[in-house]
């Protein structure tokens, strides 16, 4: 607030004649003013010619060289990007082929393992079948031997029983036929 009051007092204190004359820089009635304007035009024209003929072409050359350099760098960057994109695509393709080859190799290994397992299973089954057939043959031989022994024991027992009951020995052929008929009826013949 105090500053405003000081500024107002200062403006009021200025001589009124100086305010009425206007700005001295725009007083065209002064003969010095015309020479100043002439020199202004001469200096401005000289600077314009100097800038138009010498400085601005250099600036334009620098700007053009810069634009050319930027364009060349952009082209180089585009080429590098295209090459890197091609390299990435080639790497992806190689990776895909490697995965496919690995999967094919794994599938082939699994198939070979299955074939080996099937061959081993078939060999083992054949050996087990042979052992089973041999065991059944031994069982059949043992059964036949047991049945023969049973027939002999049954015939001897029947001979002893009939001899004790009747007091006379029956014929061996008749006893064999009777024992065979009883065993056949039981399904053990």
Protein backbone atom coordinates (compact mmCIF):
# COMPACT_ATOMS: atom_id res chain seq x y z
CA UNK A 1 0.00 0.00 0.00
CA UNK A 2 2.81 2.32 0.88
CA UNK A 3 4.53 1.70 -2.46
CA UNK A 4 1.43 2.71 -4.36
CA UNK A 5 1.24 5.97 -2.47
CA UNK A 6 4.91 6.71 -3.22
CA UNK A 7 4.41 5.97 -6.95
CA UNK A 8 1.40 8.32 -7.08
CA UNK A 9 3.29 11.18 -5.44
CA UNK A 10 6.20 10.71 -7.85
CA UNK A 11 3.92 10.87 -10.91
CA UNK A 12 2.29 14.03 -9.65
CA UNK A 13 5.66 15.63 -9.03
CA UNK A 14 6.83 15.25 -12.69
CA UNK A 15 6.78 18.42 -14.68
CA UNK A 16 3.75 18.70 -16.82
CA UNK A 17 5.78 20.05 -19.78
CA UNK A 18 7.71 16.79 -20.10
CA UNK A 19 4.53 14.83 -20.10
CA UNK A 20 2.95 17.03 -22.75
CA UNK A 21 5.90 16.69 -25.20
CA UNK A 22 5.52 12.90 -25.50
CA UNK A 23 8.24 10.33 -25.99
CA UNK A 24 11.49 11.79 -27.35
CA UNK A 25 12.18 8.63 -29.40
CA UNK A 26 9.09 9.33 -31.49
CA UNK A 27 9.72 12.98 -32.09
CA UNK A 28 10.08 13.04 -35.90
CA UNK A 29 10.47 16.83 -36.00
CA UNK A 30 13.95 16.42 -34.56
CA UNK A 31 16.62 16.31 -37.38
CA UNK A 32 18.66 13.70 -35.46
CA UNK A 33 15.72 11.37 -35.56
CA UNK A 34 15.79 11.14 -39.40
CA UNK A 35 19.48 10.22 -39.44
CA UNK A 36 18.85 7.58 -36.83
CA UNK A 37 16.06 6.07 -38.95
CA UNK A 38 18.31 6.12 -42.07
CA UNK A 39 21.11 4.36 -40.22
CA UNK A 40 18.57 1.87 -38.83
CA UNK A 41 17.45 1.01 -42.39
CA UNK A 42 21.06 0.71 -43.61
CA UNK A 43 22.14 -1.52 -40.72
CA UNK A 44 18.97 -3.61 -40.92
CA UNK A 45 19.47 -4.06 -44.71
CA UNK A 46 23.14 -5.01 -44.18
CA UNK A 47 22.21 -7.54 -41.50
CA UNK A 48 19.41 -8.90 -43.68
CA UNK A 49 21.75 -9.39 -46.67
CA UNK A 50 24.44 -10.87 -44.41
CA UNK A 51 22.00 -13.32 -42.87
CA UNK A 52 20.25 -14.17 -46.16
CA UNK A 53 23.49 -14.75 -48.13
CA UNK A 54 25.81 -16.23 -45.56
CA UNK A 55 24.38 -17.30 -42.16
CA UNK A 56 20.99 -18.70 -43.11
CA UNK A 57 22.35 -20.95 -45.90
CA UNK A 58 24.81 -22.38 -43.37
CA UNK A 59 21.98 -22.96 -40.90
CA UNK A 60 19.87 -24.49 -43.69
CA UNK A 61 22.83 -26.72 -44.62
CA UNK A 62 23.22 -27.84 -41.02
CA UNK A 63 19.48 -28.52 -40.75
CA UNK A 64 19.50 -30.44 -44.04
CA UNK A 65 22.54 -32.45 -42.97
CA UNK A 66 20.86 -33.16 -39.67
CA UNK A 67 17.64 -34.25 -41.42
CA UNK A 68 19.68 -36.45 -43.77
CA UNK A 69 21.58 -37.95 -40.84
CA UNK A 70 18.36 -38.58 -38.94
CA UNK A 71 16.76 -40.18 -42.00
CA UNK A 72 19.86 -42.35 -42.53
CA UNK A 73 19.84 -43.35 -38.87
CA UNK A 74 16.13 -44.18 -39.07
CA UNK A 75 16.72 -46.28 -42.20
CA UNK A 76 19.59 -48.02 -40.47
CA UNK A 77 17.40 -48.65 -37.42
CA UNK A 78 14.60 -50.01 -39.63
CA UNK A 79 17.08 -52.33 -41.35
CA UNK A 80 18.47 -53.47 -38.01
CA UNK A 81 14.93 -54.05 -36.72
CA UNK A 82 14.04 -56.03 -39.84
CA UNK A 83 17.20 -58.13 -39.43
CA UNK A 84 16.50 -58.71 -35.75
CA UNK A 85 12.89 -59.61 -36.53
CA UNK A 86 14.13 -62.07 -39.15
CA UNK A 87 16.63 -63.49 -36.66
CA UNK A 88 13.91 -63.85 -34.02
CA UNK A 89 11.64 -65.56 -36.55
CA UNK A 90 14.48 -67.90 -37.57
CA UNK A 91 15.23 -68.63 -33.92
CA UNK A 92 11.55 -69.33 -33.23
CA UNK A 93 11.39 -71.61 -36.27
CA UNK A 94 14.55 -73.44 -35.17
CA UNK A 95 13.14 -73.79 -31.66
CA UNK A 96 9.88 -75.13 -33.05
CA UNK A 97 11.75 -77.62 -35.24
CA UNK A 98 13.92 -78.68 -32.30
CA UNK A 99 10.82 -79.21 -30.14
CA UNK A 100 9.18 -81.21 -32.91
CA UNK A 101 12.32 -83.31 -33.40
CA UNK A 102 12.58 -83.88 -29.65
CA UNK A 103 8.92 -84.89 -29.45
CA UNK A 104 9.40 -87.27 -32.40
CA UNK A 105 12.48 -88.76 -30.73
CA UNK A 106 10.60 -89.15 -27.45
CA UNK A 107 7.69 -90.80 -29.26
CA UNK A 108 10.10 -93.14 -31.06
CA UNK A 109 11.83 -94.02 -27.78
CA UNK A 110 8.47 -94.67 -26.13
CA UNK A 111 7.43 -96.86 -29.08
CA UNK A 112 10.71 -98.81 -28.92
CA UNK A 113 10.22 -99.26 -25.17
CA UNK A 114 6.69 -100.52 -25.75
CA UNK A 115 7.93 -102.93 -28.42
CA UNK A 116 10.71 -104.17 -26.12
CA UNK A 117 8.25 -104.56 -23.26
CA UNK A 118 5.81 -106.40 -25.52
CA UNK A 119 8.61 -108.72 -26.74
CA UNK A 120 9.73 -109.39 -23.17
CA UNK A 121 6.13 -109.97 -22.12
CA UNK A 122 5.59 -112.38 -25.02
CA UNK A 123 8.82 -114.23 -24.18
CA UNK A 124 7.89 -114.38 -20.50
CA UNK A 125 4.36 -115.57 -21.37
CA UNK A 126 5.78 -118.25 -23.66
CA UNK A 127 8.15 -119.41 -20.91
CA UNK A 128 5.29 -119.39 -18.38
CA UNK A 129 3.08 -121.32 -20.80
CA UNK A 130 5.84 -123.88 -21.26
CA UNK A 131 6.30 -124.15 -17.49
CA UNK A 132 2.52 -124.41 -17.06
CA UNK A 133 2.29 -127.11 -19.71
CA UNK A 134 5.18 -128.98 -18.07
CA UNK A 135 3.52 -128.61 -14.66
CA UNK A 136 0.19 -129.82 -16.05
CA UNK A 137 1.99 -132.76 -17.66
CA UNK A 138 3.66 -133.62 -14.33
CA UNK A 139 0.31 -133.21 -12.55
CA UNK A 140 -1.35 -135.42 -15.15
CA UNK A 141 1.40 -138.03 -14.79
CA UNK A 142 1.17 -137.82 -10.99
CA UNK A 143 -2.62 -138.12 -11.20
CA UNK A 144 -2.39 -141.07 -13.55
CA UNK A 145 0.16 -142.64 -11.21
CA UNK A 146 -2.09 -141.88 -8.23
CA UNK A 147 -5.12 -143.30 -10.03
CA UNK A 148 -3.17 -146.43 -10.92
CA UNK A 149 -2.02 -146.73 -7.31
CA UNK A 150 -5.61 -146.08 -6.15
CA UNK A 151 -6.88 -148.75 -8.51
CA UNK A 152 -4.31 -151.23 -7.18
CA UNK A 153 -5.06 -150.29 -3.56
CA UNK A 154 -8.83 -150.53 -4.23
CA UNK A 155 -8.40 -153.90 -5.95
CA UNK A 156 -6.20 -155.24 -3.13
CA UNK A 157 -8.62 -153.89 -0.49
CA UNK A 158 -11.62 -155.36 -2.29
CA UNK A 159 -9.78 -158.71 -2.58
CA UNK A 160 -9.03 -158.72 1.19
CA UNK A 161 -12.59 -157.65 2.12
CA UNK A 162 -14.30 -160.21 -0.17
CA UNK A 163 -11.91 -162.96 0.99
CA UNK A 164 -12.64 -162.28 4.63
CA UNK A 165 -16.36 -161.95 4.11
CA UNK A 166 -16.83 -164.95 1.86
CA UNK A 167 -13.85 -167.01 2.77
CA UNK A 168 -12.74 -167.56 -0.79
CA UNK A 169 -10.64 -165.35 -3.07
CA UNK A 170 -12.46 -163.81 -6.02
CA UNK A 171 -10.86 -163.59 -9.47
CA UNK A 172 -8.44 -160.79 -10.10
CA UNK A 173 -10.06 -159.85 -13.44
CA UNK A 174 -13.53 -159.52 -11.90
CA UNK A 175 -12.19 -157.27 -9.16
CA UNK A 176 -10.36 -155.10 -11.71
CA UNK A 177 -13.62 -154.68 -13.70
CA UNK A 178 -15.64 -153.84 -10.60
CA UNK A 179 -13.11 -151.24 -9.37
CA UNK A 180 -12.90 -149.72 -12.89
CA UNK A 181 -16.73 -149.48 -13.06
CA UNK A 182 -16.93 -147.74 -9.64
CA UNK A 183 -14.10 -145.31 -10.52
CA UNK A 184 -15.72 -144.58 -13.89
CA UNK A 185 -19.06 -143.88 -12.19
CA UNK A 186 -17.31 -141.36 -9.92
CA UNK A 187 -15.46 -139.78 -12.83
CA UNK A 188 -12.05 -140.85 -11.60
CA UNK A 189 -11.27 -143.43 -14.21
